[in-house]
């Protein structure tokens, strides 16, 4: 049967666990027939389009502590799966210590969606253009994942396995995002290129973090979004920067290398050639912007 592009929600049963353990038990019990819902801004749309028709939705709203945002100097930033995009966008702590995350959050969707949608939900959708992924990747963030048998930790960089596919099993739940503190004398930038200034998916997304010691690049990380099947690191470009004086010529060389590493496709929003050129331009712009932040 063919469906129009958007319909009413299909029938489902809403389950409201009060603990993480109860949520995990429900996911295991229903074995692939249940989906976790937090903000629901992506999942409900997919259900209306009949791209997903789960029989059960496991809501997280009644589980205490999942909307927390914590930080300390030893372990860095930690936040739960109910933390909204708006919270990260507006948090004074995040803006001061992890500005790349608030920058990325501010580029996403509309104000209404940012108030409902969650950071973890954006990651679990596993889109190649997921705006929160590049910044978390360059920061070296990890996800704590719980299941009935225990917990495991996976780097955000390794979480994505393909377009709309992740390392998260049906009976697992992301319970925490862990973000290490950046190195001293670091600057970080996220730049998103879209057709419209707001409410659009990234044609290209570039995140960079640069650390300098006496004008020499001691560390650099570059992550690209929407230019490969998953968000990716531009490792060759990074290696060109490390251990060298940060100059305009080196910056251009690294940007060109990042462009060569990108593996975009042509689609309705942009050609592969255009995306590669924008990777070059935006990587140079992001590296320069990161350098200018360093005090």
C-alpha atoms as a PDB file:
ATOM      1  CA  UNK A   1       0.000   0.000   0.000  1.00  0.00           C
ATOM      2  CA  UNK A   2       1.304   3.455  -0.900  1.00  0.00           C
ATOM      3  CA  UNK A   3       1.032   6.281   1.611  1.00  0.00           C
ATOM      4  CA  UNK A   4       1.041  10.049   1.132  1.00  0.00           C
ATOM      5  CA  UNK A   5       4.221  11.760   2.295  1.00  0.00           C
ATOM      6  CA  UNK A   6       2.768  12.546   5.738  1.00  0.00           C
ATOM      7  CA  UNK A   7      -0.118  10.850   7.565  1.00  0.00           C
ATOM      8  CA  UNK A   8      -1.430  10.532  11.066  1.00  0.00           C
ATOM      9  CA  UNK A   9       0.661   8.542  13.489  1.00  0.00           C
ATOM     10  CA  UNK A  10       0.163   4.771  13.274  1.00  0.00           C
ATOM     11  CA  UNK A  11      -1.144   3.000  16.363  1.00  0.00           C
ATOM     12  CA  UNK A  12       1.364   2.287  19.126  1.00  0.00           C
ATOM     13  CA  UNK A  13       1.483   1.657  22.866  1.00  0.00           C
ATOM     14  CA  UNK A  14       3.302   4.213  24.996  1.00  0.00           C
ATOM     15  CA  UNK A  15       5.338   2.798  27.888  1.00  0.00           C
ATOM     16  CA  UNK A  16       6.554   5.042  30.724  1.00  0.00           C
ATOM     17  CA  UNK A  17       9.315   3.380  32.779  1.00  0.00           C
ATOM     18  CA  UNK A  18      10.507   5.090  35.948  1.00  0.00           C
ATOM     19  CA  UNK A  19      14.056   3.710  35.981  1.00  0.00           C
ATOM     20  CA  UNK A  20      16.751   2.964  33.435  1.00  0.00           C
ATOM     21  CA  UNK A  21      16.573  -0.706  34.394  1.00  0.00           C
ATOM     22  CA  UNK A  22      12.848  -0.800  33.679  1.00  0.00           C
ATOM     23  CA  UNK A  23      13.394   0.908  30.315  1.00  0.00           C
ATOM     24  CA  UNK A  24      16.040  -1.638  29.367  1.00  0.00           C
ATOM     25  CA  UNK A  25      13.794  -4.518  30.381  1.00  0.00           C
ATOM     26  CA  UNK A  26      11.014  -3.169  28.155  1.00  0.00           C
ATOM     27  CA  UNK A  27      13.381  -2.818  25.199  1.00  0.00           C
ATOM     28  CA  UNK A  28      14.567  -6.403  25.659  1.00  0.00           C
ATOM     29  CA  UNK A  29      11.035  -7.719  26.159  1.00  0.00           C
ATOM     30  CA  UNK A  30       9.757  -6.215  22.932  1.00  0.00           C
ATOM     31  CA  UNK A  31      12.911  -7.183  20.988  1.00  0.00           C
ATOM     32  CA  UNK A  32      13.115  -4.698  18.134  1.00  0.00           C
ATOM     33  CA  UNK A  33       9.425  -3.747  18.190  1.00  0.00           C
ATOM     34  CA  UNK A  34      10.024  -0.818  20.559  1.00  0.00           C
ATOM     35  CA  UNK A  35      11.771   2.510  20.083  1.00  0.00           C
ATOM     36  CA  UNK A  36      12.997   4.958  22.675  1.00  0.00           C
ATOM     37  CA  UNK A  37      11.398   8.403  22.562  1.00  0.00           C
ATOM     38  CA  UNK A  38      12.755  11.537  24.243  1.00  0.00           C
ATOM     39  CA  UNK A  39      11.986  14.673  22.217  1.00  0.00           C
ATOM     40  CA  UNK A  40      10.484  12.708  19.337  1.00  0.00           C
ATOM     41  CA  UNK A  41      11.132  15.394  16.720  1.00  0.00           C
ATOM     42  CA  UNK A  42      12.730  12.918  14.330  1.00  0.00           C
ATOM     43  CA  UNK A  43      11.049   9.647  15.303  1.00  0.00           C
ATOM     44  CA  UNK A  44       7.459  10.903  15.138  1.00  0.00           C
ATOM     45  CA  UNK A  45       8.069  12.372  11.696  1.00  0.00           C
ATOM     46  CA  UNK A  46       9.426   9.032  10.487  1.00  0.00           C
ATOM     47  CA  UNK A  47       6.392   7.295  11.904  1.00  0.00           C
ATOM     48  CA  UNK A  48       4.037   9.645  10.094  1.00  0.00           C
ATOM     49  CA  UNK A  49       5.865   8.888   6.865  1.00  0.00           C
ATOM     50  CA  UNK A  50       5.693   5.139   7.671  1.00  0.00           C
ATOM     51  CA  UNK A  51       9.483   4.908   7.524  1.00  0.00           C
ATOM     52  CA  UNK A  52       9.286   3.348  10.986  1.00  0.00           C
ATOM     53  CA  UNK A  53       6.254   1.705  12.592  1.00  0.00           C
ATOM     54  CA  UNK A  54       7.215   0.586  16.105  1.00  0.00           C
ATOM     55  CA  UNK A  55       4.545  -1.155  18.140  1.00  0.00           C
ATOM     56  CA  UNK A  56       5.815   0.396  21.388  1.00  0.00           C
ATOM     57  CA  UNK A  57       7.392   3.717  22.341  1.00  0.00           C
ATOM     58  CA  UNK A  58       9.475   3.689  25.519  1.00  0.00           C
ATOM     59  CA  UNK A  59       9.382   7.213  26.962  1.00  0.00           C
ATOM     60  CA  UNK A  60      12.193   8.511  29.146  1.00  0.00           C
ATOM     61  CA  UNK A  61      10.447  11.528  30.696  1.00  0.00           C
ATOM     62  CA  UNK A  62       9.610   9.811  34.000  1.00  0.00           C
ATOM     63  CA  UNK A  63      13.175   8.660  34.690  1.00  0.00           C
ATOM     64  CA  UNK A  64      14.862  11.148  37.059  1.00  0.00           C
ATOM     65  CA  UNK A  65      18.305  12.588  36.356  1.00  0.00           C
ATOM     66  CA  UNK A  66      18.416  12.137  32.591  1.00  0.00           C
ATOM     67  CA  UNK A  67      18.176  15.887  31.956  1.00  0.00           C
ATOM     68  CA  UNK A  68      21.200  16.776  34.062  1.00  0.00           C
ATOM     69  CA  UNK A  69      24.264  18.709  32.871  1.00  0.00           C
ATOM     70  CA  UNK A  70      27.368  18.261  35.053  1.00  0.00           C
ATOM     71  CA  UNK A  71      30.947  19.491  34.796  1.00  0.00           C
ATOM     72  CA  UNK A  72      34.137  19.178  36.794  1.00  0.00           C
ATOM     73  CA  UNK A  73      37.764  19.945  36.054  1.00  0.00           C
ATOM     74  CA  UNK A  74      38.863  16.313  36.242  1.00  0.00           C
ATOM     75  CA  UNK A  75      36.274  14.557  34.062  1.00  0.00           C
ATOM     76  CA  UNK A  76      34.864  17.337  31.915  1.00  0.00           C
ATOM     77  CA  UNK A  77      31.273  17.717  30.748  1.00  0.00           C
ATOM     78  CA  UNK A  78      28.602  15.055  31.198  1.00  0.00           C
ATOM     79  CA  UNK A  79      24.942  15.186  30.246  1.00  0.00           C
ATOM     80  CA  UNK A  80      22.031  12.808  29.916  1.00  0.00           C
ATOM     81  CA  UNK A  81      19.749  11.754  27.056  1.00  0.00           C
ATOM     82  CA  UNK A  82      16.948  14.202  27.935  1.00  0.00           C
ATOM     83  CA  UNK A  83      19.167  17.280  27.626  1.00  0.00           C
ATOM     84  CA  UNK A  84      17.677  19.364  24.850  1.00  0.00           C
ATOM     85  CA  UNK A  85      19.421  21.107  21.998  1.00  0.00           C
ATOM     86  CA  UNK A  86      18.216  24.419  23.440  1.00  0.00           C
ATOM     87  CA  UNK A  87      19.833  23.669  26.810  1.00  0.00           C
ATOM     88  CA  UNK A  88      23.230  23.106  25.198  1.00  0.00           C
ATOM     89  CA  UNK A  89      22.776  26.135  22.968  1.00  0.00           C
ATOM     90  CA  UNK A  90      22.058  28.490  25.873  1.00  0.00           C
ATOM     91  CA  UNK A  91      24.136  26.997  28.731  1.00  0.00           C
ATOM     92  CA  UNK A  92      26.674  29.574  29.987  1.00  0.00           C
ATOM     93  CA  UNK A  93      29.025  26.719  30.931  1.00  0.00           C
ATOM     94  CA  UNK A  94      28.903  25.170  27.472  1.00  0.00           C
ATOM     95  CA  UNK A  95      29.271  28.542  25.763  1.00  0.00           C
ATOM     96  CA  UNK A  96      32.370  29.340  27.801  1.00  0.00           C
ATOM     97  CA  UNK A  97      34.139  25.966  27.956  1.00  0.00           C
ATOM     98  CA  UNK A  98      32.762  24.038  24.937  1.00  0.00           C
ATOM     99  CA  UNK A  99      31.608  26.768  22.528  1.00  0.00           C
ATOM    100  CA  UNK A 100      31.704  24.467  19.507  1.00  0.00           C
ATOM    101  CA  UNK A 101      28.714  22.579  20.947  1.00  0.00           C
ATOM    102  CA  UNK A 102      26.601  25.673  21.506  1.00  0.00           C
ATOM    103  CA  UNK A 103      27.550  26.882  18.006  1.00  0.00           C
ATOM    104  CA  UNK A 104      26.364  23.614  16.470  1.00  0.00           C
ATOM    105  CA  UNK A 105      23.175  23.574  18.532  1.00  0.00           C
ATOM    106  CA  UNK A 106      22.284  27.112  17.449  1.00  0.00           C
ATOM    107  CA  UNK A 107      22.354  26.089  13.758  1.00  0.00           C
ATOM    108  CA  UNK A 108      19.814  23.302  14.134  1.00  0.00           C
ATOM    109  CA  UNK A 109      16.200  23.371  12.977  1.00  0.00           C
ATOM    110  CA  UNK A 110      13.758  25.880  14.489  1.00  0.00           C
ATOM    111  CA  UNK A 111      13.470  27.239  18.029  1.00  0.00           C
ATOM    112  CA  UNK A 112      10.488  24.944  18.617  1.00  0.00           C
ATOM    113  CA  UNK A 113      12.464  21.851  17.562  1.00  0.00           C
ATOM    114  CA  UNK A 114      15.497  22.864  19.628  1.00  0.00           C
ATOM    115  CA  UNK A 115      13.272  23.118  22.696  1.00  0.00           C
ATOM    116  CA  UNK A 116      11.977  19.563  22.196  1.00  0.00           C
ATOM    117  CA  UNK A 117      14.776  17.710  20.430  1.00  0.00           C
ATOM    118  CA  UNK A 118      17.684  16.215  22.350  1.00  0.00           C
ATOM    119  CA  UNK A 119      21.396  16.009  21.633  1.00  0.00           C
ATOM    120  CA  UNK A 120      21.375  12.228  22.064  1.00  0.00           C
ATOM    121  CA  UNK A 121      18.403  11.962  19.724  1.00  0.00           C
ATOM    122  CA  UNK A 122      20.339  13.852  17.061  1.00  0.00           C
ATOM    123  CA  UNK A 123      23.189  11.377  17.424  1.00  0.00           C
ATOM    124  CA  UNK A 124      20.973   8.285  17.476  1.00  0.00           C
ATOM    125  CA  UNK A 125      19.289   9.321  14.234  1.00  0.00           C
ATOM    126  CA  UNK A 126      22.777   8.725  12.785  1.00  0.00           C
ATOM    127  CA  UNK A 127      22.369  11.035   9.812  1.00  0.00           C
ATOM    128  CA  UNK A 128      25.619  11.871   7.973  1.00  0.00           C
ATOM    129  CA  UNK A 129      24.620  15.529   8.395  1.00  0.00           C
ATOM    130  CA  UNK A 130      23.983  15.313  12.179  1.00  0.00           C
ATOM    131  CA  UNK A 131      25.077  18.736  13.416  1.00  0.00           C
ATOM    132  CA  UNK A 132      26.146  17.701  16.911  1.00  0.00           C
ATOM    133  CA  UNK A 133      28.423  14.899  15.763  1.00  0.00           C
ATOM    134  CA  UNK A 134      31.430  16.799  14.303  1.00  0.00           C
ATOM    135  CA  UNK A 135      31.920  18.970  17.389  1.00  0.00           C
ATOM    136  CA  UNK A 136      31.646  16.023  19.754  1.00  0.00           C
ATOM    137  CA  UNK A 137      34.065  14.051  17.591  1.00  0.00           C
ATOM    138  CA  UNK A 138      36.813  16.690  17.658  1.00  0.00           C
ATOM    139  CA  UNK A 139      36.329  17.041  21.426  1.00  0.00           C
ATOM    140  CA  UNK A 140      36.917  13.296  21.820  1.00  0.00           C
ATOM    141  CA  UNK A 141      33.491  12.664  23.346  1.00  0.00           C
ATOM    142  CA  UNK A 142      32.221   9.233  24.371  1.00  0.00           C
ATOM    143  CA  UNK A 143      28.765   7.745  24.854  1.00  0.00           C
ATOM    144  CA  UNK A 144      27.908   5.561  27.844  1.00  0.00           C
ATOM    145  CA  UNK A 145      25.509   2.869  26.663  1.00  0.00           C
ATOM    146  CA  UNK A 146      23.483   0.690  29.032  1.00  0.00           C
ATOM    147  CA  UNK A 147      21.933  -2.734  28.465  1.00  0.00           C
ATOM    148  CA  UNK A 148      20.560  -5.466  30.737  1.00  0.00           C
ATOM    149  CA  UNK A 149      23.999  -7.102  31.016  1.00  0.00           C
ATOM    150  CA  UNK A 150      25.854  -3.937  31.975  1.00  0.00           C
ATOM    151  CA  UNK A 151      27.373  -0.848  30.406  1.00  0.00           C
ATOM    152  CA  UNK A 152      29.855  -0.061  27.660  1.00  0.00           C
ATOM    153  CA  UNK A 153      31.473   3.109  26.369  1.00  0.00           C
ATOM    154  CA  UNK A 154      31.997   3.991  22.723  1.00  0.00           C
ATOM    155  CA  UNK A 155      33.581   7.042  21.102  1.00  0.00           C
ATOM    156  CA  UNK A 156      31.164   9.252  19.193  1.00  0.00           C
ATOM    157  CA  UNK A 157      33.572   8.870  16.285  1.00  0.00           C
ATOM    158  CA  UNK A 158      32.877   5.104  16.225  1.00  0.00           C
ATOM    159  CA  UNK A 159      29.148   5.292  16.983  1.00  0.00           C
ATOM    160  CA  UNK A 160      28.064   5.873  13.379  1.00  0.00           C
ATOM    161  CA  UNK A 161      28.201   2.795  11.145  1.00  0.00           C
ATOM    162  CA  UNK A 162      26.350   4.023   8.036  1.00  0.00           C
ATOM    163  CA  UNK A 163      23.598   6.393   6.883  1.00  0.00           C
ATOM    164  CA  UNK A 164      20.904   6.247   9.605  1.00  0.00           C
ATOM    165  CA  UNK A 165      22.764   3.332  11.207  1.00  0.00           C
ATOM    166  CA  UNK A 166      24.642   3.254  14.507  1.00  0.00           C
ATOM    167  CA  UNK A 167      26.319   0.864  16.913  1.00  0.00           C
ATOM    168  CA  UNK A 168      23.294   1.041  19.235  1.00  0.00           C
ATOM    169  CA  UNK A 169      21.390  -2.259  19.542  1.00  0.00           C
ATOM    170  CA  UNK A 170      17.605  -2.462  19.972  1.00  0.00           C
ATOM    171  CA  UNK A 171      17.975  -3.405  23.637  1.00  0.00           C
ATOM    172  CA  UNK A 172      20.434  -0.614  24.504  1.00  0.00           C
ATOM    173  CA  UNK A 173      20.069   2.959  25.718  1.00  0.00           C
ATOM    174  CA  UNK A 174      22.484   5.900  25.599  1.00  0.00           C
ATOM    175  CA  UNK A 175      22.513   7.112  29.198  1.00  0.00           C
ATOM    176  CA  UNK A 176      25.309   9.691  29.145  1.00  0.00           C
ATOM    177  CA  UNK A 177      27.450  11.829  26.870  1.00  0.00           C
ATOM    178  CA  UNK A 178      30.985  12.315  28.217  1.00  0.00           C
ATOM    179  CA  UNK A 179      33.055  15.224  26.875  1.00  0.00           C
ATOM    180  CA  UNK A 180      36.665  15.679  28.067  1.00  0.00           C
ATOM    181  CA  UNK A 181      37.897  19.175  28.832  1.00  0.00           C
ATOM    182  CA  UNK A 182      39.776  20.681  25.874  1.00  0.00           C
ATOM    183  CA  UNK A 183      43.514  21.192  26.108  1.00  0.00           C
ATOM    184  CA  UNK A 184      44.779  24.572  27.340  1.00  0.00           C
ATOM    185  CA  UNK A 185      45.342  27.243  24.687  1.00  0.00           C
ATOM    186  CA  UNK A 186      42.719  25.743  22.392  1.00  0.00           C
ATOM    187  CA  UNK A 187      40.167  27.267  20.051  1.00  0.00           C
ATOM    188  CA  UNK A 188      37.213  25.527  18.428  1.00  0.00           C
ATOM    189  CA  UNK A 189      34.714  26.334  15.679  1.00  0.00           C
ATOM    190  CA  UNK A 190      31.770  24.667  13.936  1.00  0.00           C
ATOM    191  CA  UNK A 191      30.631  25.994  10.560  1.00  0.00           C
ATOM    192  CA  UNK A 192      27.535  24.747   8.776  1.00  0.00           C
ATOM    193  CA  UNK A 193      26.802  25.505   5.150  1.00  0.00           C
ATOM    194  CA  UNK A 194      23.147  25.427   4.095  1.00  0.00           C
ATOM    195  CA  UNK A 195      20.941  26.871   1.390  1.00  0.00           C
ATOM    196  CA  UNK A 196      18.859  28.693   3.992  1.00  0.00           C
ATOM    197  CA  UNK A 197      20.177  30.380   7.110  1.00  0.00           C
ATOM    198  CA  UNK A 198      17.899  28.352   9.385  1.00  0.00           C
ATOM    199  CA  UNK A 199      15.894  25.144   9.550  1.00  0.00           C
ATOM    200  CA  UNK A 200      17.920  23.293   6.933  1.00  0.00           C
ATOM    201  CA  UNK A 201      20.159  20.236   6.876  1.00  0.00           C
ATOM    202  CA  UNK A 202      23.863  20.792   6.399  1.00  0.00           C
ATOM    203  CA  UNK A 203      25.231  20.618   2.864  1.00  0.00           C
ATOM    204  CA  UNK A 204      28.633  20.580   4.553  1.00  0.00           C
ATOM    205  CA  UNK A 205      29.537  20.803   8.236  1.00  0.00           C
ATOM    206  CA  UNK A 206      33.084  21.392   9.508  1.00  0.00           C
ATOM    207  CA  UNK A 207      34.271  21.248  13.116  1.00  0.00           C
ATOM    208  CA  UNK A 208      37.824  22.062  14.147  1.00  0.00           C
ATOM    209  CA  UNK A 209      39.754  22.324  17.387  1.00  0.00           C
ATOM    210  CA  UNK A 210      43.290  23.679  17.431  1.00  0.00           C
ATOM    211  CA  UNK A 211      45.817  23.869  20.275  1.00  0.00           C
ATOM    212  CA  UNK A 212      48.875  26.126  19.993  1.00  0.00           C
ATOM    213  CA  UNK A 213      52.060  26.357  22.057  1.00  0.00           C
ATOM    214  CA  UNK A 214      54.288  29.316  21.217  1.00  0.00           C
ATOM    215  CA  UNK A 215      52.737  29.567  17.772  1.00  0.00           C
ATOM    216  CA  UNK A 216      53.241  25.868  17.009  1.00  0.00           C
ATOM    217  CA  UNK A 217      50.258  23.575  16.507  1.00  0.00           C
ATOM    218  CA  UNK A 218      50.499  21.003  19.291  1.00  0.00           C
ATOM    219  CA  UNK A 219      47.217  19.335  18.352  1.00  0.00           C
ATOM    220  CA  UNK A 220      44.478  19.689  15.760  1.00  0.00           C
ATOM    221  CA  UNK A 221      41.324  17.795  14.961  1.00  0.00           C
ATOM    222  CA  UNK A 222      38.987  18.238  12.022  1.00  0.00           C
ATOM    223  CA  UNK A 223      35.621  16.508  11.623  1.00  0.00           C
ATOM    224  CA  UNK A 224      33.384  16.744   8.570  1.00  0.00           C
ATOM    225  CA  UNK A 225      29.643  16.219   8.286  1.00  0.00           C
ATOM    226  CA  UNK A 226      27.431  15.489   5.258  1.00  0.00           C
ATOM    227  CA  UNK A 227      30.381  14.536   3.036  1.00  0.00           C
ATOM    228  CA  UNK A 228      30.613  10.781   3.686  1.00  0.00           C
ATOM    229  CA  UNK A 229      28.286   7.950   4.766  1.00  0.00           C
ATOM    230  CA  UNK A 230      29.038   8.932   8.366  1.00  0.00           C
ATOM    231  CA  UNK A 231      30.555  11.996  10.080  1.00  0.00           C
ATOM    232  CA  UNK A 232      34.302  11.608   9.577  1.00  0.00           C
ATOM    233  CA  UNK A 233      37.721  12.789  10.740  1.00  0.00           C
ATOM    234  CA  UNK A 234      40.058  14.429   8.241  1.00  0.00           C
ATOM    235  CA  UNK A 235      43.118  12.698   9.701  1.00  0.00           C
ATOM    236  CA  UNK A 236      45.545  13.513   6.885  1.00  0.00           C
ATOM    237  CA  UNK A 237      44.745  17.198   7.181  1.00  0.00           C
ATOM    238  CA  UNK A 238      45.223  16.998  10.950  1.00  0.00           C
ATOM    239  CA  UNK A 239      48.643  15.377  10.596  1.00  0.00           C
ATOM    240  CA  UNK A 240      49.793  18.195   8.319  1.00  0.00           C
ATOM    241  CA  UNK A 241      49.112  20.719  11.071  1.00  0.00           C
ATOM    242  CA  UNK A 242      50.599  19.012  14.124  1.00  0.00           C
ATOM    243  CA  UNK A 243      54.071  20.088  15.206  1.00  0.00           C
ATOM    244  CA  UNK A 244      54.317  22.965  12.730  1.00  0.00           C
ATOM    245  CA  UNK A 245      54.100  26.763  13.037  1.00  0.00           C
ATOM    246  CA  UNK A 246      50.539  27.799  12.305  1.00  0.00           C
ATOM    247  CA  UNK A 247      50.702  29.840   9.110  1.00  0.00           C
ATOM    248  CA  UNK A 248      48.351  30.862   6.305  1.00  0.00           C
ATOM    249  CA  UNK A 249      50.154  28.562   3.880  1.00  0.00           C
ATOM    250  CA  UNK A 250      49.897  25.567   6.219  1.00  0.00           C
ATOM    251  CA  UNK A 251      46.244  26.321   6.782  1.00  0.00           C
ATOM    252  CA  UNK A 252      45.547  26.277   3.036  1.00  0.00           C
ATOM    253  CA  UNK A 253      47.454  23.013   2.643  1.00  0.00           C
ATOM    254  CA  UNK A 254      45.445  21.353   5.413  1.00  0.00           C
ATOM    255  CA  UNK A 255      42.163  22.624   3.981  1.00  0.00           C
ATOM    256  CA  UNK A 256      43.028  21.181   0.574  1.00  0.00           C
ATOM    257  CA  UNK A 257      43.892  17.842   2.212  1.00  0.00           C
ATOM    258  CA  UNK A 258      40.549  17.783   4.038  1.00  0.00           C
ATOM    259  CA  UNK A 259      38.782  18.353   0.736  1.00  0.00           C
ATOM    260  CA  UNK A 260      40.595  15.389  -0.789  1.00  0.00           C
ATOM    261  CA  UNK A 261      39.656  13.169   2.155  1.00  0.00           C
ATOM    262  CA  UNK A 262      35.936  13.972   1.883  1.00  0.00           C
ATOM    263  CA  UNK A 263      33.779  11.341   0.155  1.00  0.00           C
ATOM    264  CA  UNK A 264      30.560  13.174  -0.704  1.00  0.00           C
ATOM    265  CA  UNK A 265      27.754  12.158  -3.021  1.00  0.00           C
ATOM    266  CA  UNK A 266      25.680  14.271  -5.382  1.00  0.00           C
ATOM    267  CA  UNK A 267      22.073  14.699  -4.302  1.00  0.00           C
ATOM    268  CA  UNK A 268      19.194  17.147  -4.547  1.00  0.00           C
ATOM    269  CA  UNK A 269      20.964  19.667  -2.302  1.00  0.00           C
ATOM    270  CA  UNK A 270      24.456  19.756  -3.841  1.00  0.00           C
ATOM    271  CA  UNK A 271      26.868  17.991  -6.163  1.00  0.00           C
ATOM    272  CA  UNK A 272      29.848  16.040  -4.867  1.00  0.00           C
ATOM    273  CA  UNK A 273      32.215  18.516  -6.528  1.00  0.00           C
ATOM    274  CA  UNK A 274      30.531  21.466  -4.839  1.00  0.00           C
ATOM    275  CA  UNK A 275      30.719  19.773  -1.452  1.00  0.00           C
ATOM    276  CA  UNK A 276      34.432  19.084  -1.868  1.00  0.00           C
ATOM    277  CA  UNK A 277      35.073  22.728  -2.707  1.00  0.00           C
ATOM    278  CA  UNK A 278      33.044  23.871   0.285  1.00  0.00           C
ATOM    279  CA  UNK A 279      35.016  21.518   2.550  1.00  0.00           C
ATOM    280  CA  UNK A 280      38.193  23.268   1.403  1.00  0.00           C
ATOM    281  CA  UNK A 281      36.763  26.748   1.958  1.00  0.00           C
ATOM    282  CA  UNK A 282      35.073  26.043   5.273  1.00  0.00           C
ATOM    283  CA  UNK A 283      37.977  24.070   6.736  1.00  0.00           C
ATOM    284  CA  UNK A 284      40.280  27.013   6.094  1.00  0.00           C
ATOM    285  CA  UNK A 285      37.732  29.372   7.617  1.00  0.00           C
ATOM    286  CA  UNK A 286      37.167  27.141  10.657  1.00  0.00           C
ATOM    287  CA  UNK A 287      40.897  26.631  11.324  1.00  0.00           C
ATOM    288  CA  UNK A 288      41.495  30.353  11.142  1.00  0.00           C
ATOM    289  CA  UNK A 289      38.527  31.029  13.427  1.00  0.00           C
ATOM    290  CA  UNK A 290      39.766  28.466  15.956  1.00  0.00           C
ATOM    291  CA  UNK A 291      43.216  30.064  15.970  1.00  0.00           C
ATOM    292  CA  UNK A 292      41.744  33.496  16.618  1.00  0.00           C
ATOM    293  CA  UNK A 293      39.974  32.217  19.740  1.00  0.00           C
ATOM    294  CA  UNK A 294      43.188  31.114  21.426  1.00  0.00           C
ATOM    295  CA  UNK A 295      44.255  33.456  24.206  1.00  0.00           C
END
